[in-house]
């Protein structure tokens, strides 16, 4: 039986998506404006925030990707709940 994602899990995923978008956009901007110090500061702060949200998610629900470097524990179980595309989000 598949369980629906919890509200907390959905909120964490939303924060991760938001910060990933910001990091990506700033990286693209810095590709064309490498001397922009403010953009670099914003990128570094956004990257820290993204890492923090990802760490919080992985501590509660497991790795977001299969090569994230998170410990496997005593057994290899990557996904215990439905895959993200199966949850109806």
PDB file of N, CA and C in Angstrom:
ATOM      1  N   UNK A   1       0.834  -1.182   0.000  1.00  0.00           N
ATOM      2  CA  UNK A   1       0.000   0.000   0.000  1.00  0.00           C
ATOM      3  C   UNK A   1       0.877   1.242   0.000  1.00  0.00           C
ATOM      4  N   UNK A   2       0.617   2.129  -0.921  1.00  0.00           N
ATOM      5  CA  UNK A   2       1.390   3.357  -1.029  1.00  0.00           C
ATOM      6  C   UNK A   2       0.804   4.414  -0.095  1.00  0.00           C
ATOM      7  N   UNK A   3       1.680   5.040   0.663  1.00  0.00           N
ATOM      8  CA  UNK A   3       1.248   6.106   1.558  1.00  0.00           C
ATOM      9  C   UNK A   3       1.479   7.448   0.891  1.00  0.00           C
ATOM     10  N   UNK A   4       0.553   8.381   1.046  1.00  0.00           N
ATOM     11  CA  UNK A   4       0.778   9.709   0.475  1.00  0.00           C
ATOM     12  C   UNK A   4       1.901  10.418   1.234  1.00  0.00           C
ATOM     13  N   UNK A   5       2.623  11.311   0.569  1.00  0.00           N
ATOM     14  CA  UNK A   5       3.695  12.033   1.261  1.00  0.00           C
ATOM     15  C   UNK A   5       3.112  12.911   2.358  1.00  0.00           C
ATOM     16  N   UNK A   6       3.872  13.065   3.426  1.00  0.00           N
ATOM     17  CA  UNK A   6       3.429  13.923   4.526  1.00  0.00           C
ATOM     18  C   UNK A   6       3.549  15.389   4.121  1.00  0.00           C
ATOM     19  N   UNK A   7       2.848  16.236   4.844  1.00  0.00           N
ATOM     20  CA  UNK A   7       2.912  17.670   4.578  1.00  0.00           C
ATOM     21  C   UNK A   7       4.348  18.173   4.742  1.00  0.00           C
ATOM     22  N   UNK A   8       5.030  17.688   5.773  1.00  0.00           N
ATOM     23  CA  UNK A   8       6.412  18.107   6.006  1.00  0.00           C
ATOM     24  C   UNK A   8       7.307  17.717   4.834  1.00  0.00           C
ATOM     25  N   UNK A   9       7.125  16.507   4.325  1.00  0.00           N
ATOM     26  CA  UNK A   9       7.946  16.036   3.213  1.00  0.00           C
ATOM     27  C   UNK A   9       7.721  16.902   1.976  1.00  0.00           C
ATOM     28  N   UNK A  10       6.489  17.214   1.676  1.00  0.00           N
ATOM     29  CA  UNK A  10       6.154  18.053   0.527  1.00  0.00           C
ATOM     30  C   UNK A  10       6.748  19.444   0.705  1.00  0.00           C
ATOM     31  N   UNK A  11       6.668  19.997   1.908  1.00  0.00           N
ATOM     32  CA  UNK A  11       7.232  21.323   2.165  1.00  0.00           C
ATOM     33  C   UNK A  11       8.755  21.326   2.002  1.00  0.00           C
ATOM     34  N   UNK A  12       9.414  20.275   2.496  1.00  0.00           N
ATOM     35  CA  UNK A  12      10.865  20.178   2.321  1.00  0.00           C
ATOM     36  C   UNK A  12      11.230  20.095   0.839  1.00  0.00           C
ATOM     37  N   UNK A  13      10.517  19.285   0.088  1.00  0.00           N
ATOM     38  CA  UNK A  13      10.784  19.180  -1.340  1.00  0.00           C
ATOM     39  C   UNK A  13      10.559  20.505  -2.055  1.00  0.00           C
ATOM     40  N   UNK A  14       9.540  21.248  -1.646  1.00  0.00           N
ATOM     41  CA  UNK A  14       9.279  22.563  -2.240  1.00  0.00           C
ATOM     42  C   UNK A  14      10.446  23.521  -1.964  1.00  0.00           C
ATOM     43  N   UNK A  15      10.946  23.526  -0.746  1.00  0.00           N
ATOM     44  CA  UNK A  15      12.092  24.386  -0.416  1.00  0.00           C
ATOM     45  C   UNK A  15      13.319  23.998  -1.239  1.00  0.00           C
ATOM     46  N   UNK A  16      13.547  22.693  -1.384  1.00  0.00           N
ATOM     47  CA  UNK A  16      14.681  22.227  -2.176  1.00  0.00           C
ATOM     48  C   UNK A  16      14.531  22.680  -3.619  1.00  0.00           C
ATOM     49  N   UNK A  17      13.346  22.552  -4.192  1.00  0.00           N
ATOM     50  CA  UNK A  17      13.113  23.003  -5.563  1.00  0.00           C
ATOM     51  C   UNK A  17      13.356  24.500  -5.704  1.00  0.00           C
ATOM     52  N   UNK A  18      12.875  25.255  -4.736  1.00  0.00           N
ATOM     53  CA  UNK A  18      13.036  26.707  -4.782  1.00  0.00           C
ATOM     54  C   UNK A  18      14.516  27.094  -4.744  1.00  0.00           C
ATOM     55  N   UNK A  19      15.278  26.493  -3.858  1.00  0.00           N
ATOM     56  CA  UNK A  19      16.696  26.841  -3.731  1.00  0.00           C
ATOM     57  C   UNK A  19      17.513  26.290  -4.887  1.00  0.00           C
ATOM     58  N   UNK A  20      17.149  25.130  -5.430  1.00  0.00           N
ATOM     59  CA  UNK A  20      17.837  24.614  -6.617  1.00  0.00           C
ATOM     60  C   UNK A  20      17.667  25.566  -7.788  1.00  0.00           C
ATOM     61  N   UNK A  21      16.450  26.072  -7.960  1.00  0.00           N
ATOM     62  CA  UNK A  21      16.199  27.021  -9.038  1.00  0.00           C
ATOM     63  C   UNK A  21      17.055  28.270  -8.863  1.00  0.00           C
ATOM     64  N   UNK A  22      17.098  28.791  -7.646  1.00  0.00           N
ATOM     65  CA  UNK A  22      17.888  29.997  -7.388  1.00  0.00           C
ATOM     66  C   UNK A  22      19.370  29.739  -7.665  1.00  0.00           C
ATOM     67  N   UNK A  23      19.905  28.617  -7.203  1.00  0.00           N
ATOM     68  CA  UNK A  23      21.311  28.283  -7.434  1.00  0.00           C
ATOM     69  C   UNK A  23      21.584  28.164  -8.929  1.00  0.00           C
ATOM     70  N   UNK A  24      20.713  27.484  -9.646  1.00  0.00           N
ATOM     71  CA  UNK A  24      20.901  27.321 -11.090  1.00  0.00           C
ATOM     72  C   UNK A  24      20.876  28.667 -11.806  1.00  0.00           C
ATOM     73  N   UNK A  25      19.896  29.495 -11.503  1.00  0.00           N
ATOM     74  CA  UNK A  25      19.796  30.798 -12.153  1.00  0.00           C
ATOM     75  C   UNK A  25      21.018  31.669 -11.868  1.00  0.00           C
ATOM     76  N   UNK A  26      21.471  31.653 -10.620  1.00  0.00           N
ATOM     77  CA  UNK A  26      22.657  32.445 -10.285  1.00  0.00           C
ATOM     78  C   UNK A  26      23.905  31.889 -10.971  1.00  0.00           C
ATOM     79  N   UNK A  27      24.008  30.564 -11.087  1.00  0.00           N
ATOM     80  CA  UNK A  27      25.148  29.968 -11.785  1.00  0.00           C
ATOM     81  C   UNK A  27      25.149  30.386 -13.252  1.00  0.00           C
ATOM     82  N   UNK A  28      23.985  30.377 -13.879  1.00  0.00           N
ATOM     83  CA  UNK A  28      23.897  30.805 -15.273  1.00  0.00           C
ATOM     84  C   UNK A  28      24.262  32.280 -15.418  1.00  0.00           C
ATOM     85  N   UNK A  29      23.793  33.105 -14.489  1.00  0.00           N
ATOM     86  CA  UNK A  29      24.130  34.530 -14.522  1.00  0.00           C
ATOM     87  C   UNK A  29      25.631  34.729 -14.357  1.00  0.00           C
ATOM     88  N   UNK A  30      26.230  33.983 -13.429  1.00  0.00           N
ATOM     89  CA  UNK A  30      27.667  34.124 -13.194  1.00  0.00           C
ATOM     90  C   UNK A  30      28.494  33.637 -14.375  1.00  0.00           C
ATOM     91  N   UNK A  31      27.946  32.738 -15.186  1.00  0.00           N
ATOM     92  CA  UNK A  31      28.653  32.317 -16.394  1.00  0.00           C
ATOM     93  C   UNK A  31      28.899  33.487 -17.336  1.00  0.00           C
ATOM     94  N   UNK A  32      27.977  34.440 -17.344  1.00  0.00           N
ATOM     95  CA  UNK A  32      28.114  35.598 -18.235  1.00  0.00           C
ATOM     96  C   UNK A  32      28.564  36.861 -17.511  1.00  0.00           C
ATOM     97  N   UNK A  33      28.550  36.839 -16.184  1.00  0.00           N
ATOM     98  CA  UNK A  33      28.957  37.994 -15.378  1.00  0.00           C
ATOM     99  C   UNK A  33      29.873  37.539 -14.242  1.00  0.00           C
ATOM    100  N   UNK A  34      31.012  36.939 -14.549  1.00  0.00           N
ATOM    101  CA  UNK A  34      31.851  36.339 -13.506  1.00  0.00           C
ATOM    102  C   UNK A  34      32.454  37.333 -12.518  1.00  0.00           C
ATOM    103  N   UNK A  35      32.450  38.594 -12.848  1.00  0.00           N
ATOM    104  CA  UNK A  35      33.031  39.609 -11.951  1.00  0.00           C
ATOM    105  C   UNK A  35      32.001  40.233 -11.016  1.00  0.00           C
ATOM    106  N   UNK A  36      30.754  39.817 -11.086  1.00  0.00           N
ATOM    107  CA  UNK A  36      29.694  40.398 -10.259  1.00  0.00           C
ATOM    108  C   UNK A  36      29.784  39.829  -8.841  1.00  0.00           C
ATOM    109  N   UNK A  37      30.377  40.603  -7.950  1.00  0.00           N
ATOM    110  CA  UNK A  37      30.582  40.165  -6.569  1.00  0.00           C
ATOM    111  C   UNK A  37      29.295  39.909  -5.816  1.00  0.00           C
ATOM    112  N   UNK A  38      28.302  40.734  -6.046  1.00  0.00           N
ATOM    113  CA  UNK A  38      27.007  40.558  -5.367  1.00  0.00           C
ATOM    114  C   UNK A  38      26.354  39.241  -5.784  1.00  0.00           C
ATOM    115  N   UNK A  39      26.408  38.936  -7.085  1.00  0.00           N
ATOM    116  CA  UNK A  39      25.832  37.684  -7.574  1.00  0.00           C
ATOM    117  C   UNK A  39      26.571  36.482  -6.982  1.00  0.00           C
ATOM    118  N   UNK A  40      27.881  36.604  -6.842  1.00  0.00           N
ATOM    119  CA  UNK A  40      28.656  35.522  -6.251  1.00  0.00           C
ATOM    120  C   UNK A  40      28.285  35.316  -4.786  1.00  0.00           C
ATOM    121  N   UNK A  41      28.112  36.416  -4.046  1.00  0.00           N
ATOM    122  CA  UNK A  41      27.661  36.323  -2.651  1.00  0.00           C
ATOM    123  C   UNK A  41      26.290  35.652  -2.577  1.00  0.00           C
ATOM    124  N   UNK A  42      25.382  36.074  -3.460  1.00  0.00           N
ATOM    125  CA  UNK A  42      24.041  35.487  -3.482  1.00  0.00           C
ATOM    126  C   UNK A  42      24.102  33.996  -3.811  1.00  0.00           C
ATOM    127  N   UNK A  43      24.961  33.640  -4.771  1.00  0.00           N
ATOM    128  CA  UNK A  43      25.117  32.230  -5.142  1.00  0.00           C
ATOM    129  C   UNK A  43      25.610  31.415  -3.950  1.00  0.00           C
ATOM    130  N   UNK A  44      26.644  31.904  -3.282  1.00  0.00           N
ATOM    131  CA  UNK A  44      27.200  31.154  -2.146  1.00  0.00           C
ATOM    132  C   UNK A  44      26.173  30.986  -1.035  1.00  0.00           C
ATOM    133  N   UNK A  45      25.397  32.016  -0.765  1.00  0.00           N
ATOM    134  CA  UNK A  45      24.362  31.913   0.265  1.00  0.00           C
ATOM    135  C   UNK A  45      23.266  30.939  -0.165  1.00  0.00           C
ATOM    136  N   UNK A  46      22.849  31.017  -1.413  1.00  0.00           N
ATOM    137  CA  UNK A  46      21.816  30.111  -1.907  1.00  0.00           C
ATOM    138  C   UNK A  46      22.312  28.662  -1.886  1.00  0.00           C
ATOM    139  N   UNK A  47      23.574  28.445  -2.240  1.00  0.00           N
ATOM    140  CA  UNK A  47      24.132  27.088  -2.215  1.00  0.00           C
ATOM    141  C   UNK A  47      24.148  26.540  -0.792  1.00  0.00           C
ATOM    142  N   UNK A  48      24.468  27.397   0.195  1.00  0.00           N
ATOM    143  CA  UNK A  48      24.433  26.959   1.599  1.00  0.00           C
ATOM    144  C   UNK A  48      23.016  26.591   2.015  1.00  0.00           C
ATOM    145  N   UNK A  49      22.062  27.428   1.627  1.00  0.00           N
ATOM    146  CA  UNK A  49      20.665  27.149   1.971  1.00  0.00           C
ATOM    147  C   UNK A  49      20.198  25.841   1.334  1.00  0.00           C
ATOM    148  N   UNK A  50      20.528  25.649   0.056  1.00  0.00           N
ATOM    149  CA  UNK A  50      20.152  24.424  -0.630  1.00  0.00           C
ATOM    150  C   UNK A  50      20.736  23.212   0.075  1.00  0.00           C
ATOM    151  N   UNK A  51      22.008  23.270   0.417  1.00  0.00           N
ATOM    152  CA  UNK A  51      22.650  22.151   1.098  1.00  0.00           C
ATOM    153  C   UNK A  51      21.956  21.858   2.435  1.00  0.00           C
ATOM    154  N   UNK A  52      21.587  22.902   3.145  1.00  0.00           N
ATOM    155  CA  UNK A  52      20.912  22.734   4.433  1.00  0.00           C
ATOM    156  C   UNK A  52      19.551  22.040   4.264  1.00  0.00           C
ATOM    157  N   UNK A  53      18.768  22.469   3.280  1.00  0.00           N
ATOM    158  CA  UNK A  53      17.462  21.852   3.036  1.00  0.00           C
ATOM    159  C   UNK A  53      17.613  20.413   2.578  1.00  0.00           C
ATOM    160  N   UNK A  54      18.595  20.156   1.717  1.00  0.00           N
ATOM    161  CA  UNK A  54      18.816  18.791   1.262  1.00  0.00           C
ATOM    162  C   UNK A  54      19.228  17.881   2.418  1.00  0.00           C
ATOM    163  N   UNK A  55      20.089  18.385   3.272  1.00  0.00           N
ATOM    164  CA  UNK A  55      20.527  17.598   4.430  1.00  0.00           C
ATOM    165  C   UNK A  55      19.345  17.295   5.341  1.00  0.00           C
ATOM    166  N   UNK A  56      18.491  18.283   5.584  1.00  0.00           N
ATOM    167  CA  UNK A  56      17.318  18.078   6.434  1.00  0.00           C
ATOM    168  C   UNK A  56      16.397  17.003   5.840  1.00  0.00           C
ATOM    169  N   UNK A  57      16.188  17.071   4.520  1.00  0.00           N
ATOM    170  CA  UNK A  57      15.336  16.081   3.873  1.00  0.00           C
ATOM    171  C   UNK A  57      15.943  14.688   3.996  1.00  0.00           C
ATOM    172  N   UNK A  58      17.232  14.567   3.679  1.00  0.00           N
ATOM    173  CA  UNK A  58      17.875  13.254   3.667  1.00  0.00           C
ATOM    174  C   UNK A  58      17.966  12.639   5.059  1.00  0.00           C
ATOM    175  N   UNK A  59      18.075  13.468   6.092  1.00  0.00           N
ATOM    176  CA  UNK A  59      18.079  12.935   7.460  1.00  0.00           C
ATOM    177  C   UNK A  59      16.740  12.299   7.807  1.00  0.00           C
ATOM    178  N   UNK A  60      15.656  12.853   7.267  1.00  0.00           N
ATOM    179  CA  UNK A  60      14.320  12.344   7.582  1.00  0.00           C
ATOM    180  C   UNK A  60      13.841  11.250   6.626  1.00  0.00           C
ATOM    181  N   UNK A  61      14.146  11.406   5.328  1.00  0.00           N
ATOM    182  CA  UNK A  61      13.515  10.556   4.318  1.00  0.00           C
ATOM    183  C   UNK A  61      14.481   9.766   3.446  1.00  0.00           C
ATOM    184  N   UNK A  62      15.773   9.936   3.619  1.00  0.00           N
ATOM    185  CA  UNK A  62      16.735   9.214   2.792  1.00  0.00           C
ATOM    186  C   UNK A  62      17.242  10.072   1.651  1.00  0.00           C
ATOM    187  N   UNK A  63      18.157   9.525   0.868  1.00  0.00           N
ATOM    188  CA  UNK A  63      18.807  10.309  -0.174  1.00  0.00           C
ATOM    189  C   UNK A  63      17.852  10.769  -1.266  1.00  0.00           C
ATOM    190  N   UNK A  64      18.111  11.962  -1.775  1.00  0.00           N
ATOM    191  CA  UNK A  64      17.342  12.501  -2.888  1.00  0.00           C
ATOM    192  C   UNK A  64      17.781  11.893  -4.212  1.00  0.00           C
ATOM    193  N   UNK A  65      19.058  11.575  -4.309  1.00  0.00           N
ATOM    194  CA  UNK A  65      19.606  10.958  -5.503  1.00  0.00           C
ATOM    195  C   UNK A  65      20.480   9.791  -5.076  1.00  0.00           C
ATOM    196  N   UNK A  66      20.694   8.837  -5.958  1.00  0.00           N
ATOM    197  CA  UNK A  66      21.386   7.617  -5.552  1.00  0.00           C
ATOM    198  C   UNK A  66      22.883   7.785  -5.364  1.00  0.00           C
ATOM    199  N   UNK A  67      23.455   8.917  -5.719  1.00  0.00           N
ATOM    200  CA  UNK A  67      24.889   9.118  -5.544  1.00  0.00           C
ATOM    201  C   UNK A  67      25.183  10.323  -4.654  1.00  0.00           C
ATOM    202  N   UNK A  68      24.328  10.551  -3.683  1.00  0.00           N
ATOM    203  CA  UNK A  68      24.487  11.728  -2.833  1.00  0.00           C
ATOM    204  C   UNK A  68      25.532  11.529  -1.745  1.00  0.00           C
ATOM    205  N   UNK A  69      26.015  10.326  -1.574  1.00  0.00           N
ATOM    206  CA  UNK A  69      27.021  10.082  -0.551  1.00  0.00           C
ATOM    207  C   UNK A  69      26.450   9.814   0.822  1.00  0.00           C
ATOM    208  N   UNK A  70      25.132   9.722   0.930  1.00  0.00           N
ATOM    209  CA  UNK A  70      24.523   9.433   2.225  1.00  0.00           C
ATOM    210  C   UNK A  70      24.820   7.988   2.607  1.00  0.00           C
ATOM    211  N   UNK A  71      25.080   7.728   3.887  1.00  0.00           N
ATOM    212  CA  UNK A  71      25.359   6.352   4.315  1.00  0.00           C
ATOM    213  C   UNK A  71      24.175   5.435   4.021  1.00  0.00           C
ATOM    214  N   UNK A  72      24.483   4.184   3.688  1.00  0.00           N
ATOM    215  CA  UNK A  72      23.439   3.215   3.358  1.00  0.00           C
ATOM    216  C   UNK A  72      22.926   2.478   4.590  1.00  0.00           C
ATOM    217  N   UNK A  73      23.652   2.526   5.696  1.00  0.00           N
ATOM    218  CA  UNK A  73      23.229   1.792   6.882  1.00  0.00           C
ATOM    219  C   UNK A  73      23.556   0.320   6.743  1.00  0.00           C
ATOM    220  N   UNK A  74      22.711  -0.532   7.321  1.00  0.00           N
ATOM    221  CA  UNK A  74      22.963  -1.975   7.304  1.00  0.00           C
ATOM    222  C   UNK A  74      22.460  -2.666   6.042  1.00  0.00           C
ATOM    223  N   UNK A  75      21.625  -1.977   5.274  1.00  0.00           N
ATOM    224  CA  UNK A  75      21.093  -2.583   4.058  1.00  0.00           C
ATOM    225  C   UNK A  75      20.926  -1.501   2.998  1.00  0.00           C
ATOM    226  N   UNK A  76      20.719  -1.950   1.768  1.00  0.00           N
ATOM    227  CA  UNK A  76      20.566  -1.010   0.660  1.00  0.00           C
ATOM    228  C   UNK A  76      19.088  -0.858   0.360  1.00  0.00           C
ATOM    229  N   UNK A  77      18.470   0.213   0.857  1.00  0.00           N
ATOM    230  CA  UNK A  77      17.081   0.531   0.571  1.00  0.00           C
ATOM    231  C   UNK A  77      17.032   1.998   0.208  1.00  0.00           C
ATOM    232  N   UNK A  78      16.907   2.270  -1.070  1.00  0.00           N
ATOM    233  CA  UNK A  78      16.943   3.659  -1.499  1.00  0.00           C
ATOM    234  C   UNK A  78      15.592   4.323  -1.323  1.00  0.00           C
ATOM    235  N   UNK A  79      14.524   3.674  -1.749  1.00  0.00           N
ATOM    236  CA  UNK A  79      13.189   4.258  -1.659  1.00  0.00           C
ATOM    237  C   UNK A  79      12.276   3.277  -0.947  1.00  0.00           C
ATOM    238  N   UNK A  80      11.703   3.716   0.157  1.00  0.00           N
ATOM    239  CA  UNK A  80      10.752   2.877   0.875  1.00  0.00           C
ATOM    240  C   UNK A  80       9.319   3.284   0.568  1.00  0.00           C
ATOM    241  N   UNK A  81       9.153   4.508   0.165  1.00  0.00           N
ATOM    242  CA  UNK A  81       7.819   5.027  -0.159  1.00  0.00           C
ATOM    243  C   UNK A  81       7.671   5.033  -1.679  1.00  0.00           C
ATOM    244  N   UNK A  82       6.564   5.497  -2.184  1.00  0.00           N
ATOM    245  CA  UNK A  82       6.440   5.562  -3.633  1.00  0.00           C
ATOM    246  C   UNK A  82       7.496   6.508  -4.228  1.00  0.00           C
ATOM    247  N   UNK A  83       7.860   6.247  -5.465  1.00  0.00           N
ATOM    248  CA  UNK A  83       8.751   7.150  -6.182  1.00  0.00           C
ATOM    249  C   UNK A  83       8.064   8.506  -6.315  1.00  0.00           C
ATOM    250  N   UNK A  84       8.809   9.592  -6.428  1.00  0.00           N
ATOM    251  CA  UNK A  84       8.184  10.923  -6.491  1.00  0.00           C
ATOM    252  C   UNK A  84       7.108  11.037  -7.565  1.00  0.00           C
ATOM    253  N   UNK A  85       7.296  10.405  -8.720  1.00  0.00           N
ATOM    254  CA  UNK A  85       6.315  10.523  -9.800  1.00  0.00           C
ATOM    255  C   UNK A  85       5.101   9.628  -9.577  1.00  0.00           C
ATOM    256  N   UNK A  86       5.153   8.759  -8.560  1.00  0.00           N
ATOM    257  CA  UNK A  86       4.012   7.904  -8.252  1.00  0.00           C
ATOM    258  C   UNK A  86       3.116   8.491  -7.156  1.00  0.00           C
ATOM    259  N   UNK A  87       3.557   9.564  -6.522  1.00  0.00           N
ATOM    260  CA  UNK A  87       2.847  10.090  -5.363  1.00  0.00           C
ATOM    261  C   UNK A  87       1.709  11.030  -5.728  1.00  0.00           C
ATOM    262  N   UNK A  88       1.568  11.380  -6.998  1.00  0.00           N
ATOM    263  CA  UNK A  88       0.476  12.243  -7.410  1.00  0.00           C
ATOM    264  C   UNK A  88       0.676  13.701  -7.051  1.00  0.00           C
ATOM    265  N   UNK A  89       1.924  14.109  -6.790  1.00  0.00           N
ATOM    266  CA  UNK A  89       2.179  15.521  -6.447  1.00  0.00           C
ATOM    267  C   UNK A  89       2.075  16.386  -7.669  1.00  0.00           C
TER     268      UNK A  89
END
